[in-house]
Amino acid sequence: MQITLPTALTLMRIALIPVFGLCFLLPAPWTNILTVAVFALAAITDWLDGYLARRLEQSSEFGAFLDPVADKLMVAVALVALVALYPGLWMAIPAAVIIGREIAVSALREWMAELGKRASVAVSQLGKVKTAAQMAAIMMLLYGEPIAGVPIPEFGVVLIWLAAILTLYSAFAYLRAAIKVLDS
């Protein structure tokens, strides 16, 4: 199997997960900036690998499998870190909703793929909006400080709750689409 540039970027994103964890745990006052930078790099490679796969016509089954795994792993690790950073229900609830949905929808997609119906539970535009809100929220919360008087962490809390609500809505949309396919 040849490793294409998009797949190499996805593999790099997976390799960034322990780097992210180590940066988060460093006992230095600037670790929030470093942690945000590592997470932002992962988020950029998430967009870039998909763009390059389409643009360079280098899509592969392995890449299609690996990309969502890399995304879910990085987001789950970041959300667990945020729950440690901001202990309390106001962070634990959206983190649990987002992680739980990712596991459930991944299982649903796998099951539908086994039935030959994977296209019926494809990624939607709503999922892309949810992902953007989620990524922005995670970066704001990881940074955790106001910028020029702008309460960045508070905006992050609003966005993570918005992402959690969109997460629930999209999970029900995936489930509804799967039920329609199974009933036909």
C-alpha atoms as a PDB file:
ATOM      1  CA  MET A   1       0.000   0.000   0.000  1.00  0.00           C
ATOM      2  CA  GLN A   2       1.330   3.398  -1.008  1.00  0.00           C
ATOM      3  CA  ILE A   3       0.980   6.202   1.524  1.00  0.00           C
ATOM      4  CA  THR A   4      -0.376   9.289  -0.233  1.00  0.00           C
ATOM      5  CA  LEU A   5       0.140  12.859   0.990  1.00  0.00           C
ATOM      6  CA  PRO A   6      -3.426  13.060   2.386  1.00  0.00           C
ATOM      7  CA  THR A   7      -2.946   9.788   4.268  1.00  0.00           C
ATOM      8  CA  ALA A   8       0.440  10.987   5.565  1.00  0.00           C
ATOM      9  CA  LEU A   9      -1.290  14.097   6.941  1.00  0.00           C
ATOM     10  CA  THR A  10      -3.889  11.911   8.657  1.00  0.00           C
ATOM     11  CA  LEU A  11      -1.132   9.764  10.169  1.00  0.00           C
ATOM     12  CA  MET A  12       0.616  12.943  11.326  1.00  0.00           C
ATOM     13  CA  ARG A  13      -2.637  13.997  13.032  1.00  0.00           C
ATOM     14  CA  ILE A  14      -2.688  10.718  14.931  1.00  0.00           C
ATOM     15  CA  ALA A  15       0.963  11.218  15.896  1.00  0.00           C
ATOM     16  CA  LEU A  16       0.048  14.674  17.248  1.00  0.00           C
ATOM     17  CA  ILE A  17      -2.327  13.162  19.826  1.00  0.00           C
ATOM     18  CA  PRO A  18       0.358  12.209  22.382  1.00  0.00           C
ATOM     19  CA  VAL A  19       2.195  15.458  21.603  1.00  0.00           C
ATOM     20  CA  PHE A  20      -1.028  17.321  22.411  1.00  0.00           C
ATOM     21  CA  GLY A  21      -1.381  15.378  25.671  1.00  0.00           C
ATOM     22  CA  LEU A  22       2.191  16.093  26.718  1.00  0.00           C
ATOM     23  CA  CYS A  23       1.858  19.799  25.886  1.00  0.00           C
ATOM     24  CA  PHE A  24      -1.353  19.978  27.912  1.00  0.00           C
ATOM     25  CA  LEU A  25       0.380  18.454  30.942  1.00  0.00           C
ATOM     26  CA  LEU A  26       3.528  20.596  30.853  1.00  0.00           C
ATOM     27  CA  PRO A  27       3.839  22.697  34.020  1.00  0.00           C
ATOM     28  CA  ALA A  28       4.601  26.019  32.315  1.00  0.00           C
ATOM     29  CA  PRO A  29       2.582  29.230  31.967  1.00  0.00           C
ATOM     30  CA  TRP A  30       2.699  29.128  28.130  1.00  0.00           C
ATOM     31  CA  THR A  31       1.438  25.568  27.698  1.00  0.00           C
ATOM     32  CA  ASN A  32      -2.034  26.792  26.774  1.00  0.00           C
ATOM     33  CA  ILE A  33      -0.604  28.520  23.686  1.00  0.00           C
ATOM     34  CA  LEU A  34       1.426  25.444  22.731  1.00  0.00           C
ATOM     35  CA  THR A  35      -1.547  23.137  23.282  1.00  0.00           C
ATOM     36  CA  VAL A  36      -3.797  25.340  21.136  1.00  0.00           C
ATOM     37  CA  ALA A  37      -1.117  25.432  18.417  1.00  0.00           C
ATOM     38  CA  VAL A  38      -0.866  21.624  18.338  1.00  0.00           C
ATOM     39  CA  PHE A  39      -4.654  21.254  18.267  1.00  0.00           C
ATOM     40  CA  ALA A  40      -4.943  23.929  15.543  1.00  0.00           C
ATOM     41  CA  LEU A  41      -2.305  22.115  13.470  1.00  0.00           C
ATOM     42  CA  ALA A  42      -4.346  18.911  13.793  1.00  0.00           C
ATOM     43  CA  ALA A  43      -7.532  20.761  12.799  1.00  0.00           C
ATOM     44  CA  ILE A  44      -5.816  22.263   9.755  1.00  0.00           C
ATOM     45  CA  THR A  45      -4.505  18.869   8.648  1.00  0.00           C
ATOM     46  CA  ASP A  46      -8.042  17.511   9.032  1.00  0.00           C
ATOM     47  CA  TRP A  47      -9.275  20.003   6.464  1.00  0.00           C
ATOM     48  CA  LEU A  48      -6.143  19.791   4.303  1.00  0.00           C
ATOM     49  CA  ASP A  49      -6.042  16.007   3.952  1.00  0.00           C
ATOM     50  CA  GLY A  50      -9.619  15.920   2.642  1.00  0.00           C
ATOM     51  CA  TYR A  51      -9.005  18.833   0.301  1.00  0.00           C
ATOM     52  CA  LEU A  52      -5.799  17.274  -1.082  1.00  0.00           C
ATOM     53  CA  ALA A  53      -7.378  13.838  -1.446  1.00  0.00           C
ATOM     54  CA  ARG A  54     -10.075  15.343  -3.660  1.00  0.00           C
ATOM     55  CA  ARG A  55      -7.838  17.825  -5.480  1.00  0.00           C
ATOM     56  CA  LEU A  56      -5.026  15.353  -6.191  1.00  0.00           C
ATOM     57  CA  GLU A  57      -7.478  12.488  -6.752  1.00  0.00           C
ATOM     58  CA  GLN A  58      -5.706  10.500  -4.039  1.00  0.00           C
ATOM     59  CA  SER A  59      -8.709   9.227  -2.138  1.00  0.00           C
ATOM     60  CA  SER A  60      -8.251   5.737  -0.776  1.00  0.00           C
ATOM     61  CA  GLU A  61     -10.255   3.274   1.281  1.00  0.00           C
ATOM     62  CA  PHE A  62      -7.553   3.344   3.956  1.00  0.00           C
ATOM     63  CA  GLY A  63      -7.628   7.152   4.083  1.00  0.00           C
ATOM     64  CA  ALA A  64     -11.426   7.193   4.178  1.00  0.00           C
ATOM     65  CA  PHE A  65     -11.291   4.811   7.149  1.00  0.00           C
ATOM     66  CA  LEU A  66      -8.404   6.517   8.962  1.00  0.00           C
ATOM     67  CA  ASP A  67      -9.484  10.167   8.646  1.00  0.00           C
ATOM     68  CA  PRO A  68     -12.588  10.015  10.876  1.00  0.00           C
ATOM     69  CA  VAL A  69     -10.717   7.830  13.373  1.00  0.00           C
ATOM     70  CA  ALA A  70      -7.969  10.452  13.663  1.00  0.00           C
ATOM     71  CA  ASP A  71     -10.549  13.219  14.078  1.00  0.00           C
ATOM     72  CA  LYS A  72     -12.481  11.417  16.770  1.00  0.00           C
ATOM     73  CA  LEU A  73      -9.357  10.469  18.712  1.00  0.00           C
ATOM     74  CA  MET A  74      -8.006  14.026  18.777  1.00  0.00           C
ATOM     75  CA  VAL A  75     -11.367  15.542  19.725  1.00  0.00           C
ATOM     76  CA  ALA A  76     -11.966  12.945  22.454  1.00  0.00           C
ATOM     77  CA  VAL A  77      -8.526  13.538  23.990  1.00  0.00           C
ATOM     78  CA  ALA A  78      -9.063  17.317  23.833  1.00  0.00           C
ATOM     79  CA  LEU A  79     -12.501  17.044  25.458  1.00  0.00           C
ATOM     80  CA  VAL A  80     -11.151  14.855  28.267  1.00  0.00           C
ATOM     81  CA  ALA A  81      -8.401  17.444  28.799  1.00  0.00           C
ATOM     82  CA  LEU A  82     -11.022  20.194  28.952  1.00  0.00           C
ATOM     83  CA  VAL A  83     -13.038  18.295  31.557  1.00  0.00           C
ATOM     84  CA  ALA A  84      -9.841  18.058  33.623  1.00  0.00           C
ATOM     85  CA  LEU A  85      -9.161  21.765  33.088  1.00  0.00           C
ATOM     86  CA  TYR A  86     -12.740  22.856  33.822  1.00  0.00           C
ATOM     87  CA  PRO A  87     -14.180  20.245  36.204  1.00  0.00           C
ATOM     88  CA  GLY A  88     -17.922  20.404  36.541  1.00  0.00           C
ATOM     89  CA  LEU A  89     -21.115  19.402  34.819  1.00  0.00           C
ATOM     90  CA  TRP A  90     -21.105  22.433  32.518  1.00  0.00           C
ATOM     91  CA  MET A  91     -18.074  20.930  30.734  1.00  0.00           C
ATOM     92  CA  ALA A  92     -18.637  17.224  31.420  1.00  0.00           C
ATOM     93  CA  ILE A  93     -22.114  17.168  29.839  1.00  0.00           C
ATOM     94  CA  PRO A  94     -21.188  18.548  26.407  1.00  0.00           C
ATOM     95  CA  ALA A  95     -17.993  16.457  26.400  1.00  0.00           C
ATOM     96  CA  ALA A  96     -19.957  13.277  27.155  1.00  0.00           C
ATOM     97  CA  VAL A  97     -22.594  14.129  24.544  1.00  0.00           C
ATOM     98  CA  ILE A  98     -19.993  14.772  21.840  1.00  0.00           C
ATOM     99  CA  ILE A  99     -17.850  11.713  22.624  1.00  0.00           C
ATOM    100  CA  GLY A 100     -20.904   9.465  23.022  1.00  0.00           C
ATOM    101  CA  ARG A 101     -22.361  10.634  19.712  1.00  0.00           C
ATOM    102  CA  GLU A 102     -19.076  10.050  17.899  1.00  0.00           C
ATOM    103  CA  ILE A 103     -18.937   6.470  19.148  1.00  0.00           C
ATOM    104  CA  ALA A 104     -22.612   5.803  18.378  1.00  0.00           C
ATOM    105  CA  VAL A 105     -22.520   7.328  14.879  1.00  0.00           C
ATOM    106  CA  SER A 106     -19.280   5.509  14.067  1.00  0.00           C
ATOM    107  CA  ALA A 107     -20.902   2.240  15.076  1.00  0.00           C
ATOM    108  CA  LEU A 108     -24.006   3.104  13.043  1.00  0.00           C
ATOM    109  CA  ARG A 109     -21.896   3.910   9.964  1.00  0.00           C
ATOM    110  CA  GLU A 110     -19.983   0.653  10.347  1.00  0.00           C
ATOM    111  CA  TRP A 111     -23.190  -1.333  10.670  1.00  0.00           C
ATOM    112  CA  MET A 112     -24.730   0.401   7.647  1.00  0.00           C
ATOM    113  CA  ALA A 113     -21.527  -0.267   5.672  1.00  0.00           C
ATOM    114  CA  GLU A 114     -21.834  -3.967   6.492  1.00  0.00           C
ATOM    115  CA  LEU A 115     -25.364  -3.830   5.091  1.00  0.00           C
ATOM    116  CA  GLY A 116     -24.075  -2.046   1.971  1.00  0.00           C
ATOM    117  CA  LYS A 117     -25.972   1.128   2.886  1.00  0.00           C
ATOM    118  CA  ARG A 118     -23.150   3.400   4.093  1.00  0.00           C
ATOM    119  CA  ALA A 119     -24.140   6.259   1.735  1.00  0.00           C
ATOM    120  CA  SER A 120     -27.426   6.622   3.613  1.00  0.00           C
ATOM    121  CA  VAL A 121     -25.523   7.882   6.677  1.00  0.00           C
ATOM    122  CA  ALA A 122     -22.960  10.112   4.960  1.00  0.00           C
ATOM    123  CA  VAL A 123     -21.578  13.302   6.513  1.00  0.00           C
ATOM    124  CA  SER A 124     -24.005  16.227   6.213  1.00  0.00           C
ATOM    125  CA  GLN A 125     -23.515  19.992   6.055  1.00  0.00           C
ATOM    126  CA  LEU A 126     -24.846  20.176   9.612  1.00  0.00           C
ATOM    127  CA  GLY A 127     -22.014  17.874  10.662  1.00  0.00           C
ATOM    128  CA  LYS A 128     -19.530  20.292   9.148  1.00  0.00           C
ATOM    129  CA  VAL A 129     -21.047  23.232  11.059  1.00  0.00           C
ATOM    130  CA  LYS A 130     -20.966  21.155  14.240  1.00  0.00           C
ATOM    131  CA  THR A 131     -17.321  20.308  13.637  1.00  0.00           C
ATOM    132  CA  ALA A 132     -16.387  23.959  13.063  1.00  0.00           C
ATOM    133  CA  ALA A 133     -18.148  25.051  16.275  1.00  0.00           C
ATOM    134  CA  GLN A 134     -16.552  22.188  18.171  1.00  0.00           C
ATOM    135  CA  MET A 135     -13.019  22.931  16.937  1.00  0.00           C
ATOM    136  CA  ALA A 136     -13.336  26.664  17.648  1.00  0.00           C
ATOM    137  CA  ALA A 137     -14.763  25.957  21.111  1.00  0.00           C
ATOM    138  CA  ILE A 138     -11.980  23.539  21.989  1.00  0.00           C
ATOM    139  CA  MET A 139      -9.298  26.032  20.955  1.00  0.00           C
ATOM    140  CA  MET A 140     -10.952  28.876  22.890  1.00  0.00           C
ATOM    141  CA  LEU A 141     -11.300  26.743  26.008  1.00  0.00           C
ATOM    142  CA  LEU A 142      -7.760  25.390  25.760  1.00  0.00           C
ATOM    143  CA  TYR A 143      -6.432  28.947  25.459  1.00  0.00           C
ATOM    144  CA  GLY A 144      -8.502  29.861  28.490  1.00  0.00           C
ATOM    145  CA  GLU A 145      -7.686  33.566  28.732  1.00  0.00           C
ATOM    146  CA  PRO A 146      -9.292  36.774  27.531  1.00  0.00           C
ATOM    147  CA  ILE A 147      -7.747  38.466  24.501  1.00  0.00           C
ATOM    148  CA  ALA A 148      -7.869  42.278  24.521  1.00  0.00           C
ATOM    149  CA  GLY A 149     -10.722  42.140  27.031  1.00  0.00           C
ATOM    150  CA  VAL A 150     -12.733  39.646  24.947  1.00  0.00           C
ATOM    151  CA  PRO A 151     -13.870  36.754  27.180  1.00  0.00           C
ATOM    152  CA  ILE A 152     -12.553  33.932  24.975  1.00  0.00           C
ATOM    153  CA  PRO A 153     -13.281  31.091  27.464  1.00  0.00           C
ATOM    154  CA  GLU A 154     -16.900  32.220  27.858  1.00  0.00           C
ATOM    155  CA  PHE A 155     -17.343  32.208  24.065  1.00  0.00           C
ATOM    156  CA  GLY A 156     -15.794  28.743  24.100  1.00  0.00           C
ATOM    157  CA  VAL A 157     -18.398  27.528  26.596  1.00  0.00           C
ATOM    158  CA  VAL A 158     -21.231  28.867  24.430  1.00  0.00           C
ATOM    159  CA  LEU A 159     -19.736  27.204  21.344  1.00  0.00           C
ATOM    160  CA  ILE A 160     -19.137  23.841  23.058  1.00  0.00           C
ATOM    161  CA  TRP A 161     -22.787  23.782  24.160  1.00  0.00           C
ATOM    162  CA  LEU A 162     -23.860  24.756  20.635  1.00  0.00           C
ATOM    163  CA  ALA A 163     -21.676  21.941  19.295  1.00  0.00           C
ATOM    164  CA  ALA A 164     -23.252  19.509  21.780  1.00  0.00           C
ATOM    165  CA  ILE A 165     -26.779  20.536  20.710  1.00  0.00           C
ATOM    166  CA  LEU A 166     -25.859  20.200  17.019  1.00  0.00           C
ATOM    167  CA  THR A 167     -24.240  16.885  17.882  1.00  0.00           C
ATOM    168  CA  LEU A 168     -27.489  15.541  19.326  1.00  0.00           C
ATOM    169  CA  TYR A 169     -29.503  16.858  16.394  1.00  0.00           C
ATOM    170  CA  SER A 170     -27.151  15.295  13.836  1.00  0.00           C
ATOM    171  CA  ALA A 171     -27.113  12.003  15.750  1.00  0.00           C
ATOM    172  CA  PHE A 172     -30.905  11.846  15.506  1.00  0.00           C
ATOM    173  CA  ALA A 173     -30.699  12.751  11.802  1.00  0.00           C
ATOM    174  CA  TYR A 174     -28.257   9.867  11.212  1.00  0.00           C
ATOM    175  CA  LEU A 175     -30.482   7.512  13.173  1.00  0.00           C
ATOM    176  CA  ARG A 176     -33.582   8.626  11.276  1.00  0.00           C
ATOM    177  CA  ALA A 177     -31.795   8.091   7.928  1.00  0.00           C
ATOM    178  CA  ALA A 178     -30.675   4.624   9.005  1.00  0.00           C
ATOM    179  CA  ILE A 179     -34.167   3.649  10.153  1.00  0.00           C
ATOM    180  CA  LYS A 180     -35.641   4.748   6.797  1.00  0.00           C
ATOM    181  CA  VAL A 181     -33.121   2.573   4.957  1.00  0.00           C
ATOM    182  CA  LEU A 182     -33.744  -0.404   7.223  1.00  0.00           C
ATOM    183  CA  ASP A 183     -37.532  -0.077   6.880  1.00  0.00           C
ATOM    184  CA  SER A 184     -37.418  -0.078   3.078  1.00  0.00           C
END
